[in-house]
Amino acid sequence: FDHNKDHVAEWADGLYKNKTAADYFTGVAVHWYGGLNTENLQKAHEVDPTKSILGSEACNCVGHVVLQQDGVSSWWTRAERLSLDILEDLKWWAVGWIDWNLLVDVNGGPNHLKNLCDANMIQDAAGDKGGQPLIKQASYYYMGHFSR
């Protein structure tokens, strides 16, 4: 299972109770889309406390890259949402957290689904958006605290 947290308890119940299958995986991975759903993380943990939960995907897909110039409040708010998700996942049994996008271009890609997303760093080769080839977003600084 590697999907949103809203159904993780149901999947954990089905996967973990099949002892033959359960021998072949360590746990489940969860995305942040759809809310914190900490009660579902708790339920998944209770099904089998020996199995792991891993936060495996999160990003702000707002249809464009949001640079600091677009509004300082929005710039920091997106980083705070990611940080809250990490903290809540770790508080509710996650063994780690993996960011989905470390770097995207100024259009929010490349992306196989063409849903333009944000990332901790933006590659701006021409320097048109941020005046430099690599733009560090607010989330970059937040992630620095988690990675120490």
N, C-alpha and C. Protein backbone atom coordinates (compact mmCIF):
# COMPACT_ATOMS: atom_id res chain seq x y z
N PHE A 1 0.85 -1.18 0.00
CA PHE A 1 0.00 0.00 0.00
C PHE A 1 0.89 1.23 0.00
N ASP A 2 0.69 2.10 -0.92
CA ASP A 2 1.39 3.38 -0.97
C ASP A 2 0.41 4.39 -1.55
N HIS A 3 -0.42 4.93 -0.66
CA HIS A 3 -1.44 5.86 -1.11
C HIS A 3 -1.85 6.75 0.06
N ASN A 4 -2.96 7.46 -0.09
CA ASN A 4 -3.41 8.42 0.92
C ASN A 4 -3.77 7.75 2.24
N LYS A 5 -3.67 8.51 3.31
CA LYS A 5 -3.88 7.98 4.66
C LYS A 5 -5.33 7.65 4.97
N ASP A 6 -6.27 8.15 4.16
CA ASP A 6 -7.68 7.94 4.51
C ASP A 6 -8.10 6.48 4.49
N HIS A 7 -7.36 5.62 3.78
CA HIS A 7 -7.73 4.20 3.72
C HIS A 7 -6.63 3.27 4.24
N VAL A 8 -5.61 3.82 4.88
CA VAL A 8 -4.47 3.00 5.30
C VAL A 8 -4.86 1.93 6.32
N ALA A 9 -5.78 2.23 7.21
CA ALA A 9 -6.17 1.24 8.23
C ALA A 9 -6.84 0.03 7.58
N GLU A 10 -7.69 0.27 6.61
CA GLU A 10 -8.36 -0.83 5.91
C GLU A 10 -7.34 -1.69 5.16
N TRP A 11 -6.41 -1.06 4.50
CA TRP A 11 -5.39 -1.80 3.76
C TRP A 11 -4.49 -2.56 4.72
N ALA A 12 -4.09 -1.93 5.79
CA ALA A 12 -3.24 -2.61 6.77
C ALA A 12 -3.95 -3.85 7.31
N ASP A 13 -5.22 -3.72 7.61
CA ASP A 13 -5.99 -4.84 8.13
C ASP A 13 -5.97 -6.00 7.13
N GLY A 14 -6.24 -5.72 5.88
CA GLY A 14 -6.25 -6.77 4.87
C GLY A 14 -4.88 -7.37 4.60
N LEU A 15 -3.88 -6.51 4.50
CA LEU A 15 -2.53 -6.98 4.20
C LEU A 15 -1.90 -7.74 5.36
N TYR A 16 -2.01 -7.22 6.54
CA TYR A 16 -1.32 -7.81 7.69
C TYR A 16 -1.97 -9.12 8.14
N LYS A 17 -3.24 -9.24 7.93
CA LYS A 17 -3.93 -10.47 8.36
C LYS A 17 -3.66 -11.65 7.43
N ASN A 18 -3.18 -11.36 6.23
CA ASN A 18 -2.77 -12.43 5.32
C ASN A 18 -1.31 -12.74 5.65
N LYS A 19 -1.11 -13.72 6.52
CA LYS A 19 0.24 -14.00 7.04
C LYS A 19 1.22 -14.40 5.95
N THR A 20 0.75 -15.07 4.91
CA THR A 20 1.64 -15.44 3.80
C THR A 20 2.15 -14.19 3.12
N ALA A 21 1.26 -13.27 2.81
CA ALA A 21 1.66 -12.03 2.16
C ALA A 21 2.46 -11.14 3.10
N ALA A 22 2.07 -11.08 4.36
CA ALA A 22 2.70 -10.18 5.33
C ALA A 22 4.19 -10.46 5.52
N ASP A 23 4.61 -11.68 5.24
CA ASP A 23 6.03 -12.01 5.36
C ASP A 23 6.88 -11.31 4.31
N TYR A 24 6.24 -10.78 3.27
CA TYR A 24 6.98 -10.21 2.15
C TYR A 24 7.07 -8.69 2.15
N PHE A 25 6.56 -8.04 3.16
CA PHE A 25 6.69 -6.59 3.22
C PHE A 25 6.86 -6.13 4.67
N THR A 26 7.47 -4.97 4.79
CA THR A 26 7.79 -4.41 6.10
C THR A 26 6.66 -3.56 6.66
N GLY A 27 5.84 -2.99 5.79
CA GLY A 27 4.77 -2.13 6.26
C GLY A 27 4.08 -1.43 5.10
N VAL A 28 3.54 -0.27 5.38
CA VAL A 28 2.80 0.50 4.39
C VAL A 28 3.41 1.90 4.27
N ALA A 29 3.15 2.53 3.14
CA ALA A 29 3.60 3.89 2.92
C ALA A 29 2.36 4.75 2.67
N VAL A 30 2.43 6.00 3.10
CA VAL A 30 1.26 6.87 3.01
C VAL A 30 1.61 8.22 2.40
N HIS A 31 0.65 8.76 1.65
CA HIS A 31 0.75 10.11 1.09
C HIS A 31 0.01 11.08 2.00
N TRP A 32 0.28 12.34 1.84
CA TRP A 32 -0.35 13.35 2.71
C TRP A 32 -1.65 13.89 2.16
N TYR A 33 -1.98 13.60 0.92
CA TYR A 33 -3.17 14.17 0.29
C TYR A 33 -4.42 13.70 1.02
N GLY A 34 -5.32 14.61 1.28
CA GLY A 34 -6.56 14.25 1.96
C GLY A 34 -6.55 14.53 3.45
N GLY A 35 -5.49 15.12 3.96
CA GLY A 35 -5.48 15.51 5.36
C GLY A 35 -4.55 14.67 6.21
N LEU A 36 -4.45 15.05 7.48
CA LEU A 36 -3.53 14.38 8.41
C LEU A 36 -3.96 12.94 8.71
N ASN A 37 -5.25 12.73 8.92
CA ASN A 37 -5.78 11.38 9.17
C ASN A 37 -4.98 10.59 10.20
N THR A 38 -4.61 11.23 11.29
CA THR A 38 -3.80 10.55 12.29
C THR A 38 -4.52 9.36 12.93
N GLU A 39 -5.84 9.43 13.00
CA GLU A 39 -6.58 8.30 13.57
C GLU A 39 -6.40 7.05 12.73
N ASN A 40 -6.23 7.22 11.42
CA ASN A 40 -6.00 6.07 10.55
C ASN A 40 -4.59 5.51 10.70
N LEU A 41 -3.62 6.38 10.95
CA LEU A 41 -2.27 5.91 11.24
C LEU A 41 -2.26 5.10 12.53
N GLN A 42 -2.97 5.58 13.53
CA GLN A 42 -3.07 4.85 14.80
C GLN A 42 -3.71 3.48 14.60
N LYS A 43 -4.80 3.43 13.87
CA LYS A 43 -5.49 2.16 13.62
C LYS A 43 -4.60 1.19 12.85
N ALA A 44 -3.88 1.70 11.84
CA ALA A 44 -2.97 0.84 11.07
C ALA A 44 -1.88 0.28 11.97
N HIS A 45 -1.36 1.09 12.86
CA HIS A 45 -0.34 0.63 13.80
C HIS A 45 -0.90 -0.45 14.73
N GLU A 46 -2.10 -0.27 15.18
CA GLU A 46 -2.70 -1.22 16.11
C GLU A 46 -2.96 -2.59 15.48
N VAL A 47 -3.16 -2.63 14.17
CA VAL A 47 -3.37 -3.91 13.49
C VAL A 47 -2.15 -4.80 13.67
N ASP A 48 -0.95 -4.23 13.51
CA ASP A 48 0.29 -4.97 13.72
C ASP A 48 1.41 -3.98 14.05
N PRO A 49 1.70 -3.80 15.33
CA PRO A 49 2.72 -2.83 15.74
C PRO A 49 4.13 -3.15 15.26
N THR A 50 4.36 -4.36 14.74
CA THR A 50 5.70 -4.69 14.24
C THR A 50 5.92 -4.19 12.81
N LYS A 51 4.85 -3.76 12.13
CA LYS A 51 4.97 -3.27 10.77
C LYS A 51 5.22 -1.76 10.77
N SER A 52 5.90 -1.30 9.74
CA SER A 52 6.28 0.11 9.63
C SER A 52 5.25 0.92 8.84
N ILE A 53 5.23 2.20 9.14
CA ILE A 53 4.49 3.19 8.36
C ILE A 53 5.52 4.21 7.89
N LEU A 54 5.50 4.54 6.61
CA LEU A 54 6.45 5.49 6.05
C LEU A 54 5.70 6.57 5.29
N GLY A 55 5.91 7.81 5.65
CA GLY A 55 5.37 8.93 4.86
C GLY A 55 6.17 8.99 3.56
N SER A 56 5.48 8.81 2.42
CA SER A 56 6.22 8.61 1.18
C SER A 56 5.95 9.63 0.08
N GLU A 57 4.99 10.50 0.25
CA GLU A 57 4.75 11.46 -0.82
C GLU A 57 3.98 12.66 -0.29
N ALA A 58 4.50 13.82 -0.60
CA ALA A 58 3.81 15.06 -0.27
C ALA A 58 4.39 16.17 -1.13
N CYS A 59 3.55 16.99 -1.65
CA CYS A 59 3.99 18.21 -2.32
C CYS A 59 2.77 19.10 -2.51
N ASN A 60 3.03 20.35 -2.71
CA ASN A 60 1.98 21.31 -2.99
C ASN A 60 1.81 21.41 -4.49
N CYS A 61 0.71 20.93 -5.00
CA CYS A 61 0.43 21.01 -6.44
C CYS A 61 -0.62 22.08 -6.66
N VAL A 62 -0.14 23.29 -6.77
CA VAL A 62 -1.04 24.44 -6.89
C VAL A 62 -1.20 24.90 -8.34
N GLY A 63 -0.60 24.16 -9.27
CA GLY A 63 -0.72 24.51 -10.67
C GLY A 63 0.39 25.40 -11.17
N HIS A 64 1.22 25.87 -10.26
CA HIS A 64 2.37 26.68 -10.65
C HIS A 64 3.33 26.74 -9.47
N VAL A 65 4.54 27.09 -9.75
CA VAL A 65 5.52 27.26 -8.69
C VAL A 65 5.25 28.59 -8.00
N VAL A 66 5.17 28.55 -6.69
CA VAL A 66 4.92 29.76 -5.93
C VAL A 66 6.25 30.27 -5.38
N LEU A 67 6.68 31.38 -5.90
CA LEU A 67 7.92 31.98 -5.44
C LEU A 67 7.64 32.97 -4.32
N GLN A 68 8.67 33.32 -3.58
CA GLN A 68 8.50 34.23 -2.46
C GLN A 68 7.88 35.55 -2.91
N GLN A 69 8.18 35.97 -4.12
CA GLN A 69 7.64 37.23 -4.60
C GLN A 69 6.12 37.20 -4.75
N ASP A 70 5.54 36.00 -4.87
CA ASP A 70 4.09 35.87 -5.03
C ASP A 70 3.33 36.15 -3.74
N GLY A 71 4.02 36.21 -2.65
CA GLY A 71 3.40 36.48 -1.36
C GLY A 71 4.10 35.71 -0.26
N VAL A 72 4.68 36.43 0.66
CA VAL A 72 5.45 35.79 1.72
C VAL A 72 4.58 34.86 2.55
N SER A 73 3.34 35.22 2.78
CA SER A 73 2.46 34.37 3.58
C SER A 73 2.25 33.01 2.93
N SER A 74 1.94 32.99 1.66
CA SER A 74 1.74 31.74 0.93
C SER A 74 3.03 30.93 0.89
N TRP A 75 4.14 31.60 0.72
CA TRP A 75 5.45 30.96 0.63
C TRP A 75 5.75 30.17 1.89
N TRP A 76 5.51 30.76 3.07
CA TRP A 76 5.78 30.08 4.33
C TRP A 76 4.67 29.09 4.69
N THR A 77 3.43 29.39 4.34
CA THR A 77 2.31 28.50 4.68
C THR A 77 2.48 27.13 4.07
N ARG A 78 2.91 27.06 2.83
CA ARG A 78 3.11 25.76 2.19
C ARG A 78 4.18 24.95 2.92
N ALA A 79 5.24 25.59 3.34
CA ALA A 79 6.30 24.91 4.09
C ALA A 79 5.78 24.44 5.45
N GLU A 80 4.98 25.24 6.09
CA GLU A 80 4.43 24.87 7.39
C GLU A 80 3.50 23.66 7.27
N ARG A 81 2.73 23.59 6.19
CA ARG A 81 1.84 22.43 5.98
C ARG A 81 2.65 21.14 5.84
N LEU A 82 3.74 21.19 5.08
CA LEU A 82 4.60 20.02 4.94
C LEU A 82 5.20 19.63 6.28
N SER A 83 5.67 20.61 7.02
CA SER A 83 6.27 20.32 8.33
C SER A 83 5.28 19.72 9.30
N LEU A 84 4.07 20.23 9.30
CA LEU A 84 3.03 19.67 10.17
C LEU A 84 2.77 18.22 9.80
N ASP A 85 2.72 17.92 8.51
CA ASP A 85 2.50 16.55 8.08
C ASP A 85 3.63 15.63 8.56
N ILE A 86 4.86 16.07 8.44
CA ILE A 86 5.99 15.26 8.91
C ILE A 86 5.88 15.02 10.40
N LEU A 87 5.66 16.08 11.16
CA LEU A 87 5.57 15.95 12.62
C LEU A 87 4.44 15.01 13.04
N GLU A 88 3.29 15.15 12.43
CA GLU A 88 2.15 14.30 12.79
C GLU A 88 2.39 12.84 12.37
N ASP A 89 2.97 12.63 11.20
CA ASP A 89 3.29 11.26 10.79
C ASP A 89 4.24 10.62 11.79
N LEU A 90 5.29 11.33 12.16
CA LEU A 90 6.26 10.78 13.11
C LEU A 90 5.63 10.55 14.49
N LYS A 91 4.76 11.45 14.88
CA LYS A 91 4.06 11.30 16.17
C LYS A 91 3.15 10.07 16.17
N TRP A 92 2.59 9.74 15.01
CA TRP A 92 1.65 8.62 14.89
C TRP A 92 2.28 7.45 14.14
N TRP A 93 3.47 7.05 14.57
CA TRP A 93 4.09 5.77 14.24
C TRP A 93 4.90 5.72 12.95
N ALA A 94 5.00 6.77 12.19
CA ALA A 94 5.83 6.69 10.98
C ALA A 94 7.30 6.56 11.37
N VAL A 95 8.01 5.76 10.60
CA VAL A 95 9.44 5.53 10.84
C VAL A 95 10.30 6.50 10.05
N GLY A 96 9.69 7.26 9.16
CA GLY A 96 10.42 8.21 8.34
C GLY A 96 9.47 8.95 7.42
N TRP A 97 10.04 9.79 6.60
CA TRP A 97 9.23 10.61 5.70
C TRP A 97 10.08 10.93 4.48
N ILE A 98 9.53 10.72 3.29
CA ILE A 98 10.25 10.96 2.04
C ILE A 98 9.52 12.05 1.27
N ASP A 99 10.26 13.04 0.82
CA ASP A 99 9.65 14.10 0.02
C ASP A 99 9.52 13.63 -1.43
N TRP A 100 8.44 13.98 -2.07
CA TRP A 100 8.19 13.53 -3.44
C TRP A 100 9.04 14.31 -4.44
N ASN A 101 9.10 15.62 -4.31
CA ASN A 101 9.85 16.46 -5.23
C ASN A 101 10.91 17.24 -4.47
N LEU A 102 12.15 17.01 -4.82
CA LEU A 102 13.22 17.81 -4.25
C LEU A 102 13.48 19.03 -5.12
N LEU A 103 13.31 18.85 -6.44
CA LEU A 103 13.64 19.92 -7.38
C LEU A 103 12.68 19.84 -8.57
N VAL A 104 12.11 20.97 -8.95
CA VAL A 104 11.31 21.08 -10.18
C VAL A 104 11.76 22.32 -10.93
N ASP A 105 11.33 22.43 -12.17
CA ASP A 105 11.65 23.64 -12.93
C ASP A 105 10.62 24.73 -12.60
N VAL A 106 10.78 25.88 -13.20
CA VAL A 106 9.92 27.02 -12.86
C VAL A 106 8.46 26.81 -13.27
N ASN A 107 8.20 25.80 -14.07
CA ASN A 107 6.83 25.46 -14.46
C ASN A 107 6.23 24.37 -13.58
N GLY A 108 7.00 23.85 -12.64
CA GLY A 108 6.50 22.80 -11.76
C GLY A 108 6.67 21.41 -12.32
N GLY A 109 7.54 21.21 -13.23
CA GLY A 109 7.74 19.91 -13.84
C GLY A 109 9.22 19.53 -13.82
N PRO A 110 9.63 18.54 -14.54
CA PRO A 110 8.76 17.69 -15.35
C PRO A 110 7.93 16.76 -14.46
N ASN A 111 6.80 16.37 -14.99
CA ASN A 111 5.88 15.53 -14.23
C ASN A 111 5.08 14.70 -15.21
N HIS A 112 5.04 13.40 -15.00
CA HIS A 112 4.36 12.50 -15.94
C HIS A 112 2.86 12.74 -16.02
N LEU A 113 2.27 13.32 -15.00
CA LEU A 113 0.83 13.61 -15.02
C LEU A 113 0.50 15.02 -15.47
N LYS A 114 1.52 15.84 -15.62
CA LYS A 114 1.36 17.25 -16.00
C LYS A 114 0.60 18.06 -14.94
N ASN A 115 0.56 17.55 -13.71
CA ASN A 115 -0.01 18.36 -12.62
C ASN A 115 1.17 19.11 -11.99
N LEU A 116 1.23 20.36 -12.27
CA LEU A 116 2.38 21.16 -11.91
C LEU A 116 2.50 21.33 -10.40
N CYS A 117 3.67 20.98 -9.89
CA CYS A 117 3.86 20.94 -8.44
C CYS A 117 4.99 21.84 -8.01
N ASP A 118 5.09 21.99 -6.73
CA ASP A 118 6.10 22.80 -6.09
C ASP A 118 7.16 21.87 -5.50
N ALA A 119 8.27 22.42 -5.09
CA ALA A 119 9.34 21.64 -4.49
C ALA A 119 10.18 22.53 -3.58
N ASN A 120 11.10 21.89 -2.87
CA ASN A 120 11.98 22.63 -1.97
C ASN A 120 12.94 23.54 -2.73
N MET A 121 13.30 23.11 -3.92
CA MET A 121 14.19 23.90 -4.76
C MET A 121 13.60 24.00 -6.17
N ILE A 122 13.80 25.16 -6.78
CA ILE A 122 13.31 25.41 -8.13
C ILE A 122 14.52 25.68 -9.02
N GLN A 123 14.60 24.96 -10.12
CA GLN A 123 15.67 25.18 -11.09
C GLN A 123 15.20 26.25 -12.06
N ASP A 124 15.89 27.37 -12.04
CA ASP A 124 15.57 28.51 -12.90
C ASP A 124 16.81 28.83 -13.72
N ALA A 125 17.06 27.98 -14.73
CA ALA A 125 18.31 28.07 -15.50
C ALA A 125 18.57 29.47 -16.05
N ALA A 126 17.52 30.12 -16.53
CA ALA A 126 17.68 31.46 -17.11
C ALA A 126 17.73 32.56 -16.06
N GLY A 127 17.35 32.24 -14.83
CA GLY A 127 17.33 33.25 -13.78
C GLY A 127 16.20 34.25 -13.93
N ASP A 128 15.18 33.91 -14.71
CA ASP A 128 14.08 34.83 -14.98
C ASP A 128 13.16 35.05 -13.79
N LYS A 129 12.96 34.05 -12.98
CA LYS A 129 11.99 34.13 -11.89
C LYS A 129 12.61 34.60 -10.58
N GLY A 130 13.77 34.05 -10.26
CA GLY A 130 14.37 34.37 -8.97
C GLY A 130 15.71 35.05 -9.06
N GLY A 131 16.17 35.30 -10.28
CA GLY A 131 17.44 36.00 -10.44
C GLY A 131 18.66 35.12 -10.24
N GLN A 132 18.44 33.83 -10.06
CA GLN A 132 19.55 32.90 -9.88
C GLN A 132 19.13 31.52 -10.40
N PRO A 133 20.08 30.66 -10.71
CA PRO A 133 19.71 29.37 -11.32
C PRO A 133 19.05 28.38 -10.34
N LEU A 134 19.24 28.55 -9.06
CA LEU A 134 18.64 27.66 -8.07
C LEU A 134 17.93 28.49 -7.01
N ILE A 135 16.62 28.31 -6.91
CA ILE A 135 15.83 29.06 -5.93
C ILE A 135 15.50 28.13 -4.77
N LYS A 136 15.86 28.53 -3.57
CA LYS A 136 15.53 27.74 -2.38
C LYS A 136 14.22 28.26 -1.80
N GLN A 137 13.24 27.38 -1.72
CA GLN A 137 11.92 27.72 -1.19
C GLN A 137 11.93 27.68 0.34
N ALA A 138 10.89 28.19 0.95
CA ALA A 138 10.77 28.15 2.41
C ALA A 138 10.84 26.71 2.91
N SER A 139 10.23 25.77 2.18
CA SER A 139 10.25 24.37 2.61
C SER A 139 11.66 23.80 2.64
N TYR A 140 12.56 24.33 1.84
CA TYR A 140 13.96 23.90 1.86
C TYR A 140 14.55 24.12 3.25
N TYR A 141 14.26 25.26 3.85
CA TYR A 141 14.81 25.58 5.16
C TYR A 141 14.14 24.74 6.26
N TYR A 142 12.86 24.47 6.10
CA TYR A 142 12.17 23.59 7.05
C TYR A 142 12.77 22.19 6.99
N MET A 143 12.98 21.67 5.78
CA MET A 143 13.54 20.32 5.62
C MET A 143 14.93 20.22 6.22
N GLY A 144 15.65 21.31 6.21
CA GLY A 144 16.97 21.32 6.82
C GLY A 144 16.92 20.95 8.28
N HIS A 145 15.89 21.35 8.96
CA HIS A 145 15.76 21.02 10.39
C HIS A 145 15.44 19.54 10.58
N PHE A 146 14.64 18.97 9.70
CA PHE A 146 14.27 17.55 9.83
C PHE A 146 15.41 16.62 9.43
N SER A 147 16.31 17.08 8.59
CA SER A 147 17.35 16.21 8.08
C SER A 147 18.60 16.17 8.95
N ARG A 148 18.58 16.86 10.04
CA ARG A 148 19.77 16.87 10.92
C ARG A 148 19.74 15.76 11.92
